[in-house]
Amino acid sequence: MKILMYNVRPDEQKPLDGWVKQNGVQVDTNSVPLNADTVDLAKGYDGIVIQQHGSVSDPTIYEKLHSFGIKQITLRITGYEIIDLDQAKQNDLVVTNVPAYSPRSVSELVLADVMSLLRHIGEVGEREKHGDFSWKGVEAREIHTLTVGIIGAGKIGSAVARIFRALGATVIAADPIHRPELNDTLTYVDHETVFKTADIVTMHTPLTDETNQMINADVFKQMKPSAIFINASRGQVVDTGALVNALENQEISAAAIDTFEGENTIVGQDLSGKQIENDNLKKLLAMPNVNVTPHIGFYTEVAVQNMVEIALNDVVMILKGQKSPHEVGE
């Protein structure tokens, strides 16, 4: 059995080496994403594992993988919108993802963002650079007095709910699936109720046709002027221009984004000394009441290890003729 892992980062090498030692399976790696130019690297392998921001859209990729005898595409990430599921199905390729590598990793970043924004750390820090150590406008609210509204209470959203409930907040959530195990943690409501009543609105939805740009100018106008908006899901669920306008017009008070439209050519890159072409991102970066992080919500030791191990275990399972519990697009 031979497996090829595309686009491997240095931090993935240690858990990869541990998995290989434990399982005795040959795993080769490269540092490039899967695309039409690199698909031929998979020839001679039994299975492949990928992680990347760029889409796998060219039909020839799927056709070639099928011709090589490969039976799956395993993503070691959660989001699978980069895959053309129809092309995968037409070429008998099973697609899997890692839906829960570490829900706490993202939820802890959300907590850090909320703490920072509630205590006005960015604004205070910006003032102090200019010698202003005053208290004007930075009186904080305490979490236990607030309502946290979650859009998408799946594995990650549930972890967010439990953290804020433990801190004494009232937690509400909008999700088509109502999970009985969360009955002592949150109250299910509709989207409009979350937008209108929550002090903190935090996004934890996949990117689908229904969620694409679901947070737009009309939604921001429904929120409290004191609301904090968090997006740690997918950039395209938010109209970034509308977010900028909402902040500039004080329709909301603060925001934190770990993911944003147009991030594919930005996150994970060192762009020091280079011009950032994304105008909305530049505006957000300049706002002291906005936290911008480069899609690092997932990025913890535990999460990286789980992503590597779960993905490789899925490949082995599929190659042995078994069904992975992480298949998508069925």
C-alpha atoms as a PDB file:
ATOM      1  CA  MET A   1       0.000   0.000   0.000  1.00  0.00           C
ATOM      2  CA  LYS A   2       1.390   3.392  -1.064  1.00  0.00           C
ATOM      3  CA  ILE A   3      -0.181   6.722  -0.129  1.00  0.00           C
ATOM      4  CA  LEU A   4       0.740  10.170  -1.422  1.00  0.00           C
ATOM      5  CA  MET A   5       0.116  13.222   0.756  1.00  0.00           C
ATOM      6  CA  TYR A   6      -0.074  16.496  -1.134  1.00  0.00           C
ATOM      7  CA  ASN A   7       0.941  19.887   0.260  1.00  0.00           C
ATOM      8  CA  VAL A   8       2.464  18.678   3.522  1.00  0.00           C
ATOM      9  CA  ARG A   9       3.546  21.353   6.004  1.00  0.00           C
ATOM     10  CA  PRO A  10       6.593  20.922   8.263  1.00  0.00           C
ATOM     11  CA  ASP A  11       4.380  20.775  11.356  1.00  0.00           C
ATOM     12  CA  GLU A  12       2.606  17.709   9.945  1.00  0.00           C
ATOM     13  CA  GLN A  13       5.802  15.665   9.641  1.00  0.00           C
ATOM     14  CA  LYS A  14       6.039  14.535  13.272  1.00  0.00           C
ATOM     15  CA  PRO A  15       2.505  13.071  13.509  1.00  0.00           C
ATOM     16  CA  LEU A  16       2.969  11.624  10.003  1.00  0.00           C
ATOM     17  CA  ASP A  17       6.187   9.859  11.009  1.00  0.00           C
ATOM     18  CA  GLY A  18       4.464   8.494  14.112  1.00  0.00           C
ATOM     19  CA  TRP A  19       1.551   7.141  12.091  1.00  0.00           C
ATOM     20  CA  VAL A  20       3.874   5.482   9.547  1.00  0.00           C
ATOM     21  CA  LYS A  21       5.896   3.844  12.313  1.00  0.00           C
ATOM     22  CA  GLN A  22       2.764   2.527  13.971  1.00  0.00           C
ATOM     23  CA  ASN A  23       1.032   1.286  10.805  1.00  0.00           C
ATOM     24  CA  GLY A  24       3.900   0.233   8.544  1.00  0.00           C
ATOM     25  CA  VAL A  25       2.398   1.879   5.471  1.00  0.00           C
ATOM     26  CA  GLN A  26       4.481   3.784   2.919  1.00  0.00           C
ATOM     27  CA  VAL A  27       3.484   7.450   2.820  1.00  0.00           C
ATOM     28  CA  ASP A  28       5.297   9.828   0.481  1.00  0.00           C
ATOM     29  CA  THR A  29       4.846  13.583   0.585  1.00  0.00           C
ATOM     30  CA  ASN A  30       5.222  16.710  -1.499  1.00  0.00           C
ATOM     31  CA  SER A  31       4.722  20.433  -0.930  1.00  0.00           C
ATOM     32  CA  VAL A  32       2.292  21.227  -3.752  1.00  0.00           C
ATOM     33  CA  PRO A  33      -1.515  21.299  -3.926  1.00  0.00           C
ATOM     34  CA  LEU A  34      -3.509  18.926  -6.101  1.00  0.00           C
ATOM     35  CA  ASN A  35      -4.334  20.503  -9.445  1.00  0.00           C
ATOM     36  CA  ALA A  36      -4.145  19.779 -13.168  1.00  0.00           C
ATOM     37  CA  ASP A  37      -0.394  20.335 -13.153  1.00  0.00           C
ATOM     38  CA  THR A  38       0.349  18.053 -10.204  1.00  0.00           C
ATOM     39  CA  VAL A  39      -2.185  15.250 -10.540  1.00  0.00           C
ATOM     40  CA  ASP A  40       0.314  13.057 -12.427  1.00  0.00           C
ATOM     41  CA  LEU A  41       2.357  12.830  -9.223  1.00  0.00           C
ATOM     42  CA  ALA A  42      -0.338  10.458  -7.948  1.00  0.00           C
ATOM     43  CA  LYS A  43       0.387   7.850 -10.620  1.00  0.00           C
ATOM     44  CA  GLY A  44       1.621   4.639  -9.034  1.00  0.00           C
ATOM     45  CA  TYR A  45      -0.036   5.306  -5.681  1.00  0.00           C
ATOM     46  CA  ASP A  46      -3.007   3.542  -4.155  1.00  0.00           C
ATOM     47  CA  GLY A  47      -4.440   6.548  -2.348  1.00  0.00           C
ATOM     48  CA  ILE A  48      -4.044  10.291  -1.887  1.00  0.00           C
ATOM     49  CA  VAL A  49      -4.538  12.817   0.926  1.00  0.00           C
ATOM     50  CA  ILE A  50      -4.829  16.559   0.326  1.00  0.00           C
ATOM     51  CA  GLN A  51      -5.210  19.833   2.206  1.00  0.00           C
ATOM     52  CA  GLN A  52      -5.381  23.146   0.394  1.00  0.00           C
ATOM     53  CA  HIS A  53      -7.393  26.315  -0.130  1.00  0.00           C
ATOM     54  CA  GLY A  54      -7.486  26.195  -3.937  1.00  0.00           C
ATOM     55  CA  SER A  55     -10.330  24.333  -5.578  1.00  0.00           C
ATOM     56  CA  VAL A  56      -9.995  21.005  -7.374  1.00  0.00           C
ATOM     57  CA  SER A  57     -12.222  21.974 -10.275  1.00  0.00           C
ATOM     58  CA  ASP A  58     -10.617  20.667 -13.464  1.00  0.00           C
ATOM     59  CA  PRO A  59     -12.478  17.515 -14.643  1.00  0.00           C
ATOM     60  CA  THR A  60      -9.220  16.053 -15.970  1.00  0.00           C
ATOM     61  CA  ILE A  61      -7.975  15.716 -12.371  1.00  0.00           C
ATOM     62  CA  TYR A  62     -10.768  13.302 -11.522  1.00  0.00           C
ATOM     63  CA  GLU A  63     -10.443  11.444 -14.805  1.00  0.00           C
ATOM     64  CA  LYS A  64      -6.711  10.942 -14.315  1.00  0.00           C
ATOM     65  CA  LEU A  65      -7.085   9.799 -10.708  1.00  0.00           C
ATOM     66  CA  HIS A  66      -9.624   7.227 -11.880  1.00  0.00           C
ATOM     67  CA  SER A  67      -7.311   6.070 -14.659  1.00  0.00           C
ATOM     68  CA  PHE A  68      -4.504   5.648 -12.107  1.00  0.00           C
ATOM     69  CA  GLY A  69      -6.732   3.236 -10.165  1.00  0.00           C
ATOM     70  CA  ILE A  70      -7.198   5.582  -7.229  1.00  0.00           C
ATOM     71  CA  LYS A  71     -10.517   5.121  -5.476  1.00  0.00           C
ATOM     72  CA  GLN A  72     -10.668   8.089  -3.116  1.00  0.00           C
ATOM     73  CA  ILE A  73      -9.751  11.693  -2.358  1.00  0.00           C
ATOM     74  CA  THR A  74      -9.202  12.186   1.345  1.00  0.00           C
ATOM     75  CA  LEU A  75      -9.090  15.699   2.745  1.00  0.00           C
ATOM     76  CA  ARG A  76      -7.298  16.253   6.039  1.00  0.00           C
ATOM     77  CA  ILE A  77      -9.456  19.333   6.633  1.00  0.00           C
ATOM     78  CA  THR A  78     -13.145  19.880   7.365  1.00  0.00           C
ATOM     79  CA  GLY A  79     -14.274  21.986   4.415  1.00  0.00           C
ATOM     80  CA  TYR A  80     -14.887  20.001   1.237  1.00  0.00           C
ATOM     81  CA  GLU A  81     -16.358  22.746  -0.945  1.00  0.00           C
ATOM     82  CA  ILE A  82     -13.097  22.709  -2.928  1.00  0.00           C
ATOM     83  CA  ILE A  83     -14.082  19.307  -4.364  1.00  0.00           C
ATOM     84  CA  ASP A  84     -16.407  18.840  -7.348  1.00  0.00           C
ATOM     85  CA  LEU A  85     -18.484  16.052  -5.826  1.00  0.00           C
ATOM     86  CA  ASP A  86     -20.264  15.317  -9.114  1.00  0.00           C
ATOM     87  CA  GLN A  87     -16.962  14.759 -10.917  1.00  0.00           C
ATOM     88  CA  ALA A  88     -15.738  12.622  -8.036  1.00  0.00           C
ATOM     89  CA  LYS A  89     -18.846  10.450  -8.198  1.00  0.00           C
ATOM     90  CA  GLN A  90     -18.649  10.098 -11.987  1.00  0.00           C
ATOM     91  CA  ASN A  91     -15.089   8.821 -11.595  1.00  0.00           C
ATOM     92  CA  ASP A  92     -15.850   6.442  -8.699  1.00  0.00           C
ATOM     93  CA  LEU A  93     -13.857   8.479  -6.187  1.00  0.00           C
ATOM     94  CA  VAL A  94     -14.957   8.396  -2.556  1.00  0.00           C
ATOM     95  CA  VAL A  95     -14.431  11.773  -0.856  1.00  0.00           C
ATOM     96  CA  THR A  96     -13.784  12.024   2.879  1.00  0.00           C
ATOM     97  CA  ASN A  97     -12.947  14.859   5.239  1.00  0.00           C
ATOM     98  CA  VAL A  98     -11.993  15.267   8.897  1.00  0.00           C
ATOM     99  CA  PRO A  99     -15.138  16.763  10.414  1.00  0.00           C
ATOM    100  CA  ALA A 100     -13.950  16.981  14.022  1.00  0.00           C
ATOM    101  CA  TYR A 101     -10.185  17.131  14.338  1.00  0.00           C
ATOM    102  CA  SER A 102     -10.451  19.346  17.416  1.00  0.00           C
ATOM    103  CA  PRO A 103     -13.601  21.411  17.953  1.00  0.00           C
ATOM    104  CA  ARG A 104     -11.919  22.999  20.971  1.00  0.00           C
ATOM    105  CA  SER A 105      -9.179  24.505  18.821  1.00  0.00           C
ATOM    106  CA  VAL A 106     -11.613  26.798  16.999  1.00  0.00           C
ATOM    107  CA  SER A 107     -13.787  27.439  20.043  1.00  0.00           C
ATOM    108  CA  GLU A 108     -10.784  28.543  22.103  1.00  0.00           C
ATOM    109  CA  LEU A 109      -9.823  31.075  19.429  1.00  0.00           C
ATOM    110  CA  VAL A 110     -13.393  32.395  19.493  1.00  0.00           C
ATOM    111  CA  LEU A 111     -13.108  32.760  23.274  1.00  0.00           C
ATOM    112  CA  ALA A 112      -9.774  34.588  22.910  1.00  0.00           C
ATOM    113  CA  ASP A 113     -11.307  36.963  20.347  1.00  0.00           C
ATOM    114  CA  VAL A 114     -14.349  37.673  22.481  1.00  0.00           C
ATOM    115  CA  MET A 115     -12.223  38.345  25.568  1.00  0.00           C
ATOM    116  CA  SER A 116      -9.958  40.664  23.587  1.00  0.00           C
ATOM    117  CA  LEU A 117     -12.818  42.610  22.022  1.00  0.00           C
ATOM    118  CA  LEU A 118     -14.881  42.868  25.187  1.00  0.00           C
ATOM    119  CA  ARG A 119     -11.917  44.336  27.058  1.00  0.00           C
ATOM    120  CA  HIS A 120     -11.031  46.645  24.141  1.00  0.00           C
ATOM    121  CA  ILE A 121      -7.456  45.329  24.044  1.00  0.00           C
ATOM    122  CA  GLY A 122      -6.865  46.422  20.439  1.00  0.00           C
ATOM    123  CA  GLU A 123      -8.237  49.902  21.004  1.00  0.00           C
ATOM    124  CA  VAL A 124      -6.298  50.392  24.237  1.00  0.00           C
ATOM    125  CA  GLY A 125      -3.116  49.137  22.601  1.00  0.00           C
ATOM    126  CA  GLU A 126      -3.519  51.520  19.662  1.00  0.00           C
ATOM    127  CA  ARG A 127      -3.996  54.484  22.011  1.00  0.00           C
ATOM    128  CA  GLU A 128      -1.006  53.552  24.138  1.00  0.00           C
ATOM    129  CA  LYS A 129       1.252  53.715  21.081  1.00  0.00           C
ATOM    130  CA  HIS A 130       0.503  57.451  21.080  1.00  0.00           C
ATOM    131  CA  GLY A 131       0.798  57.938  24.840  1.00  0.00           C
ATOM    132  CA  ASP A 132      -2.939  57.866  25.563  1.00  0.00           C
ATOM    133  CA  PHE A 133      -3.603  55.815  28.693  1.00  0.00           C
ATOM    134  CA  SER A 134      -7.113  57.125  29.333  1.00  0.00           C
ATOM    135  CA  TRP A 135     -10.199  55.047  30.088  1.00  0.00           C
ATOM    136  CA  LYS A 136     -12.502  56.811  27.638  1.00  0.00           C
ATOM    137  CA  GLY A 137     -14.930  54.411  25.956  1.00  0.00           C
ATOM    138  CA  VAL A 138     -13.342  51.171  27.175  1.00  0.00           C
ATOM    139  CA  GLU A 139     -15.640  50.190  30.030  1.00  0.00           C
ATOM    140  CA  ALA A 140     -16.174  46.455  29.483  1.00  0.00           C
ATOM    141  CA  ARG A 141     -19.099  44.118  29.713  1.00  0.00           C
ATOM    142  CA  GLU A 142     -18.750  40.794  31.548  1.00  0.00           C
ATOM    143  CA  ILE A 143     -19.458  37.579  29.703  1.00  0.00           C
ATOM    144  CA  HIS A 144     -21.950  36.234  32.248  1.00  0.00           C
ATOM    145  CA  THR A 145     -24.242  39.196  31.508  1.00  0.00           C
ATOM    146  CA  LEU A 146     -24.327  38.558  27.763  1.00  0.00           C
ATOM    147  CA  THR A 147     -26.180  36.424  25.234  1.00  0.00           C
ATOM    148  CA  VAL A 148     -24.039  34.454  22.805  1.00  0.00           C
ATOM    149  CA  GLY A 149     -25.764  33.555  19.534  1.00  0.00           C
ATOM    150  CA  ILE A 150     -24.391  30.685  17.467  1.00  0.00           C
ATOM    151  CA  ILE A 151     -25.173  30.147  13.806  1.00  0.00           C
ATOM    152  CA  GLY A 152     -24.500  26.443  13.245  1.00  0.00           C
ATOM    153  CA  ALA A 153     -24.346  24.363  16.417  1.00  0.00           C
ATOM    154  CA  GLY A 154     -22.535  21.332  15.031  1.00  0.00           C
ATOM    155  CA  LYS A 155     -19.364  19.907  16.533  1.00  0.00           C
ATOM    156  CA  ILE A 156     -17.519  23.227  16.642  1.00  0.00           C
ATOM    157  CA  GLY A 157     -20.563  25.345  17.441  1.00  0.00           C
ATOM    158  CA  SER A 158     -21.428  22.958  20.274  1.00  0.00           C
ATOM    159  CA  ALA A 159     -17.944  23.343  21.743  1.00  0.00           C
ATOM    160  CA  VAL A 160     -18.321  27.132  21.553  1.00  0.00           C
ATOM    161  CA  ALA A 161     -21.685  26.877  23.302  1.00  0.00           C
ATOM    162  CA  ARG A 162     -20.284  24.807  26.155  1.00  0.00           C
ATOM    163  CA  ILE A 163     -17.383  27.188  26.771  1.00  0.00           C
ATOM    164  CA  PHE A 164     -19.591  30.260  27.013  1.00  0.00           C
ATOM    165  CA  ARG A 165     -22.268  28.470  29.030  1.00  0.00           C
ATOM    166  CA  ALA A 166     -19.560  27.455  31.512  1.00  0.00           C
ATOM    167  CA  LEU A 167     -18.657  31.141  31.827  1.00  0.00           C
ATOM    168  CA  GLY A 168     -22.254  31.991  32.694  1.00  0.00           C
ATOM    169  CA  ALA A 169     -23.477  33.430  29.383  1.00  0.00           C
ATOM    170  CA  THR A 170     -26.928  32.798  27.994  1.00  0.00           C
ATOM    171  CA  VAL A 171     -26.451  30.764  24.802  1.00  0.00           C
ATOM    172  CA  ILE A 172     -28.870  30.600  21.876  1.00  0.00           C
ATOM    173  CA  ALA A 173     -28.367  28.890  18.532  1.00  0.00           C
ATOM    174  CA  ALA A 174     -29.899  28.610  15.080  1.00  0.00           C
ATOM    175  CA  ASP A 175     -29.413  25.200  13.493  1.00  0.00           C
ATOM    176  CA  PRO A 176     -31.818  22.938  11.554  1.00  0.00           C
ATOM    177  CA  ILE A 177     -30.653  19.984  13.665  1.00  0.00           C
ATOM    178  CA  HIS A 178     -31.634  20.140  17.334  1.00  0.00           C
ATOM    179  CA  ARG A 179     -29.311  18.030  19.459  1.00  0.00           C
ATOM    180  CA  PRO A 180     -30.861  16.755  22.717  1.00  0.00           C
ATOM    181  CA  GLU A 181     -27.456  16.630  24.404  1.00  0.00           C
ATOM    182  CA  LEU A 182     -27.320  20.442  24.191  1.00  0.00           C
ATOM    183  CA  ASN A 183     -30.628  21.033  25.966  1.00  0.00           C
ATOM    184  CA  ASP A 184     -28.849  22.032  29.175  1.00  0.00           C
ATOM    185  CA  THR A 185     -26.422  24.285  27.298  1.00  0.00           C
ATOM    186  CA  LEU A 186     -28.384  26.357  24.797  1.00  0.00           C
ATOM    187  CA  THR A 187     -31.817  27.302  23.532  1.00  0.00           C
ATOM    188  CA  TYR A 188     -32.657  26.812  19.865  1.00  0.00           C
ATOM    189  CA  VAL A 189     -34.152  29.847  18.126  1.00  0.00           C
ATOM    190  CA  ASP A 190     -34.462  31.095  14.558  1.00  0.00           C
ATOM    191  CA  HIS A 191     -31.789  33.096  12.727  1.00  0.00           C
ATOM    192  CA  GLU A 192     -33.611  36.394  13.139  1.00  0.00           C
ATOM    193  CA  THR A 193     -33.735  35.974  16.917  1.00  0.00           C
ATOM    194  CA  VAL A 194     -29.986  35.346  17.026  1.00  0.00           C
ATOM    195  CA  PHE A 195     -29.239  38.410  14.925  1.00  0.00           C
ATOM    196  CA  LYS A 196     -31.573  40.724  16.861  1.00  0.00           C
ATOM    197  CA  THR A 197     -30.922  39.615  20.443  1.00  0.00           C
ATOM    198  CA  ALA A 198     -27.381  38.238  20.715  1.00  0.00           C
ATOM    199  CA  ASP A 199     -24.566  40.364  22.117  1.00  0.00           C
ATOM    200  CA  ILE A 200     -22.081  38.092  20.382  1.00  0.00           C
ATOM    201  CA  VAL A 201     -22.918  36.463  17.024  1.00  0.00           C
ATOM    202  CA  THR A 202     -20.510  33.708  16.039  1.00  0.00           C
ATOM    203  CA  MET A 203     -20.559  31.770  12.766  1.00  0.00           C
ATOM    204  CA  HIS A 204     -19.906  28.017  12.601  1.00  0.00           C
ATOM    205  CA  THR A 205     -21.569  26.868   9.389  1.00  0.00           C
ATOM    206  CA  PRO A 206     -20.222  24.999   6.375  1.00  0.00           C
ATOM    207  CA  LEU A 207     -20.160  26.814   3.047  1.00  0.00           C
ATOM    208  CA  THR A 208     -23.171  25.797   0.974  1.00  0.00           C
ATOM    209  CA  ASP A 209     -25.449  27.479  -1.540  1.00  0.00           C
ATOM    210  CA  GLU A 210     -27.702  28.410   1.376  1.00  0.00           C
ATOM    211  CA  THR A 211     -24.949  29.874   3.586  1.00  0.00           C
ATOM    212  CA  ASN A 212     -23.025  31.693   0.845  1.00  0.00           C
ATOM    213  CA  GLN A 213     -23.153  35.426   1.774  1.00  0.00           C
ATOM    214  CA  MET A 214     -25.887  34.745   4.322  1.00  0.00           C
ATOM    215  CA  ILE A 215     -24.442  37.512   6.503  1.00  0.00           C
ATOM    216  CA  ASN A 216     -25.094  40.640   4.447  1.00  0.00           C
ATOM    217  CA  ALA A 217     -25.992  44.294   4.909  1.00  0.00           C
ATOM    218  CA  ASP A 218     -29.582  43.515   5.919  1.00  0.00           C
ATOM    219  CA  VAL A 219     -28.411  41.080   8.597  1.00  0.00           C
ATOM    220  CA  PHE A 220     -25.925  43.542  10.102  1.00  0.00           C
ATOM    221  CA  LYS A 221     -28.710  46.122  10.337  1.00  0.00           C
ATOM    222  CA  GLN A 222     -30.678  43.666  12.500  1.00  0.00           C
ATOM    223  CA  MET A 223     -27.865  43.339  15.047  1.00  0.00           C
ATOM    224  CA  LYS A 224     -27.430  45.423  18.162  1.00  0.00           C
ATOM    225  CA  PRO A 225     -25.082  48.422  17.807  1.00  0.00           C
ATOM    226  CA  SER A 226     -23.167  46.897  20.731  1.00  0.00           C
ATOM    227  CA  ALA A 227     -22.898  43.458  19.102  1.00  0.00           C
ATOM    228  CA  ILE A 228     -19.624  41.657  18.455  1.00  0.00           C
ATOM    229  CA  PHE A 229     -19.517  39.581  15.254  1.00  0.00           C
ATOM    230  CA  ILE A 230     -17.235  36.545  14.895  1.00  0.00           C
ATOM    231  CA  ASN A 231     -16.565  34.456  11.787  1.00  0.00           C
ATOM    232  CA  ALA A 232     -14.452  31.342  12.268  1.00  0.00           C
ATOM    233  CA  SER A 233     -16.216  29.236   9.628  1.00  0.00           C
ATOM    234  CA  ARG A 234     -15.788  30.109   5.940  1.00  0.00           C
ATOM    235  CA  GLY A 235     -15.018  33.509   4.462  1.00  0.00           C
ATOM    236  CA  GLN A 236     -17.746  33.394   1.850  1.00  0.00           C
ATOM    237  CA  VAL A 237     -20.572  33.139   4.391  1.00  0.00           C
ATOM    238  CA  VAL A 238     -20.029  36.860   5.030  1.00  0.00           C
ATOM    239  CA  ASP A 239     -20.266  39.775   2.610  1.00  0.00           C
ATOM    240  CA  THR A 240     -16.981  41.397   3.630  1.00  0.00           C
ATOM    241  CA  GLY A 241     -17.906  44.768   2.158  1.00  0.00           C
ATOM    242  CA  ALA A 242     -21.092  44.751   4.212  1.00  0.00           C
ATOM    243  CA  LEU A 243     -19.059  43.903   7.331  1.00  0.00           C
ATOM    244  CA  VAL A 244     -16.740  46.860   6.697  1.00  0.00           C
ATOM    245  CA  ASN A 245     -19.721  49.181   6.222  1.00  0.00           C
ATOM    246  CA  ALA A 246     -21.425  47.893   9.364  1.00  0.00           C
ATOM    247  CA  LEU A 247     -18.305  48.637  11.415  1.00  0.00           C
ATOM    248  CA  GLU A 248     -17.732  52.042   9.813  1.00  0.00           C
ATOM    249  CA  ASN A 249     -21.392  53.000  10.371  1.00  0.00           C
ATOM    250  CA  GLN A 250     -21.342  51.646  13.943  1.00  0.00           C
ATOM    251  CA  GLU A 251     -24.144  49.188  13.209  1.00  0.00           C
ATOM    252  CA  ILE A 252     -22.066  46.718  15.238  1.00  0.00           C
ATOM    253  CA  SER A 253     -19.314  47.474  17.721  1.00  0.00           C
ATOM    254  CA  ALA A 254     -16.521  45.024  16.886  1.00  0.00           C
ATOM    255  CA  ALA A 255     -15.613  41.932  14.890  1.00  0.00           C
ATOM    256  CA  ALA A 256     -13.150  39.077  14.671  1.00  0.00           C
ATOM    257  CA  ILE A 257     -12.559  37.157  11.466  1.00  0.00           C
ATOM    258  CA  ASP A 258     -10.366  34.092  11.124  1.00  0.00           C
ATOM    259  CA  THR A 259     -11.462  33.575   7.551  1.00  0.00           C
ATOM    260  CA  PHE A 260     -12.423  36.010   4.820  1.00  0.00           C
ATOM    261  CA  GLU A 261     -13.289  36.323   1.141  1.00  0.00           C
ATOM    262  CA  GLY A 262     -10.238  36.136  -1.098  1.00  0.00           C
ATOM    263  CA  GLU A 263      -8.060  34.462   1.520  1.00  0.00           C
ATOM    264  CA  ASN A 264      -6.746  31.736  -0.780  1.00  0.00           C
ATOM    265  CA  THR A 265      -3.771  33.800  -1.943  1.00  0.00           C
ATOM    266  CA  ILE A 266      -3.127  35.351   1.473  1.00  0.00           C
ATOM    267  CA  VAL A 267      -3.390  32.975   4.413  1.00  0.00           C
ATOM    268  CA  GLY A 268      -0.297  30.929   5.114  1.00  0.00           C
ATOM    269  CA  GLN A 269       1.838  33.352   3.101  1.00  0.00           C
ATOM    270  CA  ASP A 270       4.508  35.822   4.219  1.00  0.00           C
ATOM    271  CA  LEU A 271       3.556  38.964   2.325  1.00  0.00           C
ATOM    272  CA  SER A 272       5.940  41.286   4.182  1.00  0.00           C
ATOM    273  CA  GLY A 273       6.786  44.294   2.032  1.00  0.00           C
ATOM    274  CA  LYS A 274       4.181  43.371  -0.578  1.00  0.00           C
ATOM    275  CA  GLN A 275       1.007  45.201  -1.473  1.00  0.00           C
ATOM    276  CA  ILE A 276      -2.204  43.555  -0.273  1.00  0.00           C
ATOM    277  CA  GLU A 277      -4.740  43.898  -3.073  1.00  0.00           C
ATOM    278  CA  ASN A 278      -7.772  43.023  -0.933  1.00  0.00           C
ATOM    279  CA  ASP A 279      -9.176  46.479  -0.090  1.00  0.00           C
ATOM    280  CA  ASN A 280     -11.760  45.233   2.402  1.00  0.00           C
ATOM    281  CA  LEU A 281      -9.109  43.257   4.250  1.00  0.00           C
ATOM    282  CA  LYS A 282      -6.867  46.326   4.434  1.00  0.00           C
ATOM    283  CA  LYS A 283      -9.716  48.319   5.976  1.00  0.00           C
ATOM    284  CA  LEU A 284     -10.385  45.623   8.567  1.00  0.00           C
ATOM    285  CA  LEU A 285      -6.704  45.354   9.450  1.00  0.00           C
ATOM    286  CA  ALA A 286      -6.639  49.089  10.146  1.00  0.00           C
ATOM    287  CA  MET A 287      -9.523  48.963  12.639  1.00  0.00           C
ATOM    288  CA  PRO A 288      -8.478  48.598  16.302  1.00  0.00           C
ATOM    289  CA  ASN A 289     -11.869  47.068  17.143  1.00  0.00           C
ATOM    290  CA  VAL A 290     -11.335  44.212  14.673  1.00  0.00           C
ATOM    291  CA  ASN A 291      -9.229  41.084  15.153  1.00  0.00           C
ATOM    292  CA  VAL A 292      -8.013  39.477  11.931  1.00  0.00           C
ATOM    293  CA  THR A 293      -6.251  36.111  12.059  1.00  0.00           C
ATOM    294  CA  PRO A 294      -5.067  34.068   9.037  1.00  0.00           C
ATOM    295  CA  HIS A 295      -7.341  31.013   9.327  1.00  0.00           C
ATOM    296  CA  ILE A 296      -5.521  29.649  12.383  1.00  0.00           C
ATOM    297  CA  GLY A 297      -8.580  28.572  14.348  1.00  0.00           C
ATOM    298  CA  PHE A 298      -7.771  24.927  13.679  1.00  0.00           C
ATOM    299  CA  TYR A 299      -4.040  25.289  14.235  1.00  0.00           C
ATOM    300  CA  THR A 300      -3.103  23.466  17.447  1.00  0.00           C
ATOM    301  CA  GLU A 301      -0.886  20.462  18.104  1.00  0.00           C
ATOM    302  CA  VAL A 302      -3.864  18.263  18.924  1.00  0.00           C
ATOM    303  CA  ALA A 303      -5.730  19.292  15.783  1.00  0.00           C
ATOM    304  CA  VAL A 304      -2.784  18.771  13.424  1.00  0.00           C
ATOM    305  CA  GLN A 305      -2.152  15.297  14.810  1.00  0.00           C
ATOM    306  CA  ASN A 306      -5.808  14.333  14.509  1.00  0.00           C
ATOM    307  CA  MET A 307      -6.056  15.678  10.955  1.00  0.00           C
ATOM    308  CA  VAL A 308      -3.107  13.581   9.807  1.00  0.00           C
ATOM    309  CA  GLU A 309      -4.078  10.403  11.651  1.00  0.00           C
ATOM    310  CA  ILE A 310      -7.803  10.447  10.866  1.00  0.00           C
ATOM    311  CA  ALA A 311      -7.171  11.147   7.175  1.00  0.00           C
ATOM    312  CA  LEU A 312      -4.613   8.365   6.791  1.00  0.00           C
ATOM    313  CA  ASN A 313      -6.820   5.922   8.706  1.00  0.00           C
ATOM    314  CA  ASP A 314      -9.646   6.745   6.281  1.00  0.00           C
ATOM    315  CA  VAL A 315      -7.451   5.997   3.267  1.00  0.00           C
ATOM    316  CA  VAL A 316      -6.457   2.609   4.666  1.00  0.00           C
ATOM    317  CA  MET A 317     -10.066   1.815   5.507  1.00  0.00           C
ATOM    318  CA  ILE A 318     -11.262   2.603   1.987  1.00  0.00           C
ATOM    319  CA  LEU A 319      -8.402   0.737   0.321  1.00  0.00           C
ATOM    320  CA  LYS A 320      -9.330  -2.317   2.379  1.00  0.00           C
ATOM    321  CA  GLY A 321     -12.870  -2.132   1.015  1.00  0.00           C
ATOM    322  CA  GLN A 322     -14.405  -0.737   4.167  1.00  0.00           C
ATOM    323  CA  LYS A 323     -16.686   2.309   4.513  1.00  0.00           C
ATOM    324  CA  SER A 324     -15.271   5.402   6.160  1.00  0.00           C
ATOM    325  CA  PRO A 325     -17.579   7.199   8.606  1.00  0.00           C
ATOM    326  CA  HIS A 326     -16.333  10.484   7.135  1.00  0.00           C
ATOM    327  CA  GLU A 327     -17.603  10.165   3.552  1.00  0.00           C
ATOM    328  CA  VAL A 328     -19.176  13.341   2.162  1.00  0.00           C
ATOM    329  CA  GLY A 329     -21.495  14.049  -0.728  1.00  0.00           C
ATOM    330  CA  GLU A 330     -23.653  10.984  -0.361  1.00  0.00           C
END
